[in-house]
C-alpha atoms as a PDB file:
ATOM      1  CA  MET A   1      55.544  13.652 -41.377  1.00  0.00           C
ATOM      2  CA  ARG A   2      58.260  15.624 -39.571  1.00  0.00           C
ATOM      3  CA  GLN A   3      61.312  16.594 -41.587  1.00  0.00           C
ATOM      4  CA  LYS A   4      64.587  15.415 -39.996  1.00  0.00           C
ATOM      5  CA  THR A   5      67.789  17.434 -39.974  1.00  0.00           C
ATOM      6  CA  CYS A   6      71.446  16.592 -39.338  1.00  0.00           C
ATOM      7  CA  VAL A   7      72.295  16.821 -35.637  1.00  0.00           C
ATOM      8  CA  ALA A   8      75.649  18.462 -36.441  1.00  0.00           C
ATOM      9  CA  CYS A   9      74.970  20.954 -39.229  1.00  0.00           C
ATOM     10  CA  GLY A  10      71.177  21.184 -39.511  1.00  0.00           C
ATOM     11  CA  LYS A  11      70.942  20.174 -43.189  1.00  0.00           C
ATOM     12  CA  GLU A  12      67.917  18.199 -44.340  1.00  0.00           C
ATOM     13  CA  LEU A  13      68.467  14.441 -44.129  1.00  0.00           C
ATOM     14  CA  LYS A  14      67.619  12.081 -46.950  1.00  0.00           C
ATOM     15  CA  GLY A  15      67.541   8.312 -46.739  1.00  0.00           C
ATOM     16  CA  ARG A  16      66.814   6.067 -43.796  1.00  0.00           C
ATOM     17  CA  SER A  17      64.287   7.202 -41.231  1.00  0.00           C
ATOM     18  CA  ASP A  18      66.730   6.687 -38.324  1.00  0.00           C
ATOM     19  CA  LYS A  19      69.557   8.688 -39.922  1.00  0.00           C
ATOM     20  CA  ARG A  20      71.053  11.382 -37.630  1.00  0.00           C
ATOM     21  CA  PHE A  21      73.937  12.807 -39.701  1.00  0.00           C
ATOM     22  CA  CYS A  22      74.211  13.839 -43.334  1.00  0.00           C
ATOM     23  CA  ASP A  23      77.741  12.399 -43.756  1.00  0.00           C
ATOM     24  CA  LEU A  24      80.744  10.958 -41.904  1.00  0.00           C
ATOM     25  CA  HIS A  25      82.327  14.391 -41.481  1.00  0.00           C
ATOM     26  CA  CYS A  26      79.271  15.685 -39.575  1.00  0.00           C
ATOM     27  CA  LYS A  27      79.158  12.521 -37.460  1.00  0.00           C
ATOM     28  CA  SER A  28      82.837  12.863 -36.563  1.00  0.00           C
ATOM     29  CA  THR A  29      82.521  16.592 -35.845  1.00  0.00           C
ATOM     30  CA  TYR A  30      79.507  16.040 -33.584  1.00  0.00           C
ATOM     31  CA  HIS A  31      81.205  13.316 -31.515  1.00  0.00           C
ATOM     32  CA  TYR A  32      84.456  15.292 -31.258  1.00  0.00           C
ATOM     33  CA  ARG A  33      82.615  18.373 -29.938  1.00  0.00           C
ATOM     34  CA  LYS A  34      80.670  16.199 -27.512  1.00  0.00           C
ATOM     35  CA  SER A  35      83.877  14.596 -26.189  1.00  0.00           C
ATOM     36  CA  GLN A  36      85.408  18.037 -25.614  1.00  0.00           C
ATOM     37  CA  GLU A  37      82.482  19.008 -23.374  1.00  0.00           C
ATOM     38  CA  GLU A  38      82.763  15.890 -21.198  1.00  0.00           C
ATOM     39  CA  GLU A  39      85.005  15.554 -18.171  1.00  0.00           C
ATOM     40  CA  PRO A  40      88.170  13.609 -19.118  1.00  0.00           C
ATOM     41  CA  ARG A  41      88.094   9.967 -18.068  1.00  0.00           C
ATOM     42  CA  PHE A  42      90.178   8.891 -15.077  1.00  0.00           C
ATOM     43  CA  PHE A  43      92.386   6.728 -17.298  1.00  0.00           C
ATOM     44  CA  ASN A  44      93.201   9.747 -19.494  1.00  0.00           C
ATOM     45  CA  LYS A  45      94.067  11.904 -16.486  1.00  0.00           C
ATOM     46  CA  VAL A  46      96.445   9.279 -15.084  1.00  0.00           C
ATOM     47  CA  ASP A  47      98.015   8.567 -18.477  1.00  0.00           C
ATOM     48  CA  ASN A  48      98.562  12.269 -19.173  1.00  0.00           C
ATOM     49  CA  GLN A  49     100.162  12.814 -15.757  1.00  0.00           C
ATOM     50  CA  LEU A  50     102.499   9.828 -16.251  1.00  0.00           C
ATOM     51  CA  LYS A  51     103.567  11.235 -19.627  1.00  0.00           C
ATOM     52  CA  THR A  52     104.175  14.654 -18.069  1.00  0.00           C
ATOM     53  CA  ASN A  53     106.162  13.137 -15.188  1.00  0.00           C
ATOM     54  CA  ARG A  54     108.328  11.073 -17.550  1.00  0.00           C
ATOM     55  CA  LYS A  55     109.054  14.074 -19.769  1.00  0.00           C
ATOM     56  CA  ILE A  56     110.118  16.201 -16.777  1.00  0.00           C
ATOM     57  CA  LEU A  57     112.285  13.456 -15.237  1.00  0.00           C
ATOM     58  CA  LYS A  58     113.966  12.832 -18.575  1.00  0.00           C
ATOM     59  CA  GLN A  59     114.629  16.551 -19.039  1.00  0.00           C
ATOM     60  CA  TYR A  60     116.386  16.885 -15.681  1.00  0.00           C
ATOM     61  CA  ASN A  61     118.259  13.574 -15.728  1.00  0.00           C
ATOM     62  CA  LYS A  62     120.393  13.546 -18.861  1.00  0.00           C
ATOM     63  CA  ALA A  63     123.450  11.977 -17.184  1.00  0.00           C
ATOM     64  CA  GLY A  64     121.702   9.027 -15.483  1.00  0.00           C
ATOM     65  CA  LYS A  65     121.816  10.539 -11.983  1.00  0.00           C
ATOM     66  CA  ALA A  66     120.945  14.043 -10.818  1.00  0.00           C
ATOM     67  CA  THR A  67     119.654  16.002  -7.844  1.00  0.00           C
ATOM     68  CA  VAL A  68     117.027  18.689  -8.311  1.00  0.00           C
ATOM     69  CA  ARG A  69     114.932  20.870  -5.998  1.00  0.00           C
ATOM     70  CA  SER A  70     111.442  19.437  -5.702  1.00  0.00           C
ATOM     71  CA  SER A  71     109.849  22.896  -6.038  1.00  0.00           C
ATOM     72  CA  LEU A  72     111.439  23.287  -9.480  1.00  0.00           C
ATOM     73  CA  ILE A  73     109.980  20.176 -11.088  1.00  0.00           C
ATOM     74  CA  ILE A  74     106.678  20.328  -9.202  1.00  0.00           C
ATOM     75  CA  GLY A  75     106.323  23.864 -10.549  1.00  0.00           C
ATOM     76  CA  GLU A  76     106.614  22.429 -14.056  1.00  0.00           C
ATOM     77  CA  GLY A  77     103.753  19.991 -13.462  1.00  0.00           C
ATOM     78  CA  PHE A  78     105.513  16.973 -11.934  1.00  0.00           C
ATOM     79  CA  ASN A  79     103.279  15.051  -9.509  1.00  0.00           C
ATOM     80  CA  PRO A  80     105.140  12.459  -7.380  1.00  0.00           C
ATOM     81  CA  ASN A  81     101.889  10.621  -6.614  1.00  0.00           C
ATOM     82  CA  PHE A  82     101.836   9.193 -10.143  1.00  0.00           C
ATOM     83  CA  PHE A  83     104.414   6.487 -10.878  1.00  0.00           C
ATOM     84  CA  THR A  84     104.558   3.083 -12.560  1.00  0.00           C
ATOM     85  CA  HIS A  85     106.649   0.959 -10.183  1.00  0.00           C
ATOM     86  CA  TYR A  86     109.267   1.117  -7.443  1.00  0.00           C
ATOM     87  CA  TRP A  87     112.694  -0.270  -6.577  1.00  0.00           C
ATOM     88  CA  LYS A  88     114.224  -0.678  -3.122  1.00  0.00           C
ATOM     89  CA  ASN A  89     118.012  -0.484  -2.860  1.00  0.00           C
ATOM     90  CA  LYS A  90     120.218  -2.298  -0.326  1.00  0.00           C
ATOM     91  CA  LYS A  91     120.107   0.715   2.036  1.00  0.00           C
ATOM     92  CA  GLY A  92     116.307   0.494   2.114  1.00  0.00           C
ATOM     93  CA  ASP A  93     115.654   3.612   0.022  1.00  0.00           C
ATOM     94  CA  VAL A  94     112.558   3.217  -2.147  1.00  0.00           C
ATOM     95  CA  TYR A  95     112.853   4.863  -5.551  1.00  0.00           C
ATOM     96  CA  LEU A  96     109.601   5.478  -7.387  1.00  0.00           C
ATOM     97  CA  PHE A  97     109.773   5.117 -11.167  1.00  0.00           C
ATOM     98  CA  VAL A  98     107.908   6.557 -14.112  1.00  0.00           C
ATOM     99  CA  TYR A  99     108.861   3.928 -16.661  1.00  0.00           C
ATOM    100  CA  GLU A 100     112.685   4.098 -16.839  1.00  0.00           C
ATOM    101  CA  TYR A 101     113.155   7.309 -14.794  1.00  0.00           C
ATOM    102  CA  GLY A 102     113.216   7.080 -11.012  1.00  0.00           C
ATOM    103  CA  PHE A 103     113.109   9.568  -8.180  1.00  0.00           C
ATOM    104  CA  LEU A 104     113.662   9.573  -4.420  1.00  0.00           C
ATOM    105  CA  LYS A 105     112.527  12.417  -2.207  1.00  0.00           C
ATOM    106  CA  LYS A 106     115.224  13.652   0.196  1.00  0.00           C
ATOM    107  CA  VAL A 107     115.709  16.669   2.449  1.00  0.00           C
ATOM    108  CA  GLU A 108     119.188  18.198   2.238  1.00  0.00           C
ATOM    109  CA  HIS A 109     120.010  21.225   4.406  1.00  0.00           C
ATOM    110  CA  GLY A 110     116.300  21.814   5.005  1.00  0.00           C
ATOM    111  CA  VAL A 111     115.483  21.835   1.274  1.00  0.00           C
ATOM    112  CA  ASP A 112     113.186  19.253  -0.331  1.00  0.00           C
ATOM    113  CA  LYS A 113     114.944  17.626  -3.272  1.00  0.00           C
ATOM    114  CA  PHE A 114     114.555  14.678  -5.595  1.00  0.00           C
ATOM    115  CA  ILE A 115     117.413  12.353  -6.445  1.00  0.00           C
ATOM    116  CA  LEU A 116     116.842  11.260 -10.032  1.00  0.00           C
ATOM    117  CA  ILE A 117     118.149   8.005 -11.467  1.00  0.00           C
ATOM    118  CA  LYS A 118     117.666   5.935 -14.574  1.00  0.00           C
ATOM    119  CA  TRP A 119     116.609   2.278 -14.535  1.00  0.00           C
ATOM    120  CA  GLN A 120     119.509  -0.200 -14.707  1.00  0.00           C
ATOM    121  CA  ASP A 121     119.395  -3.919 -15.525  1.00  0.00           C
ATOM    122  CA  TYR A 122     120.749  -4.907 -12.088  1.00  0.00           C
ATOM    123  CA  MET A 123     117.585  -3.466 -10.487  1.00  0.00           C
ATOM    124  CA  LEU A 124     115.488  -6.265 -11.980  1.00  0.00           C
ATOM    125  CA  LYS A 125     115.352  -9.251  -9.639  1.00  0.00           C
ATOM    126  CA  LYS A 126     115.615 -12.719 -11.132  1.00  0.00           C
ATOM    127  CA  ASN A 127     112.735 -14.037  -9.000  1.00  0.00           C
ATOM    128  CA  PRO A 128     110.258 -11.271  -8.080  1.00  0.00           C
ATOM    129  CA  LEU A 129     108.656 -13.428  -5.375  1.00  0.00           C
ATOM    130  CA  SER A 130     111.834 -13.816  -3.317  1.00  0.00           C
END
């Protein structure tokens, strides 16, 4: 009969024949290490980028409206391809939002900029299908 050892620490296992770990700590450690070696799931990548985008937009928009050079916030990790929803104003400008913080890409004097705004109640339509 072959002697079985813990997959995580190598200690001799006692008990059931199908046992793989000596205790819960070893089981947890093994699965944590394994998860660190795997490529992050798509959901996690998107969620992390949305959190980063929101944090950056919040940092640069303390007053509710601001204008910032796009190179500045993109350099900090902002990615405008990740957003949660959009809002179109009466002029036809489409603001992309990351939760309550919105941005609109504009070119002013040959410089790429983002106009930053914060979500307001009037932006919510009463009937979204109209």
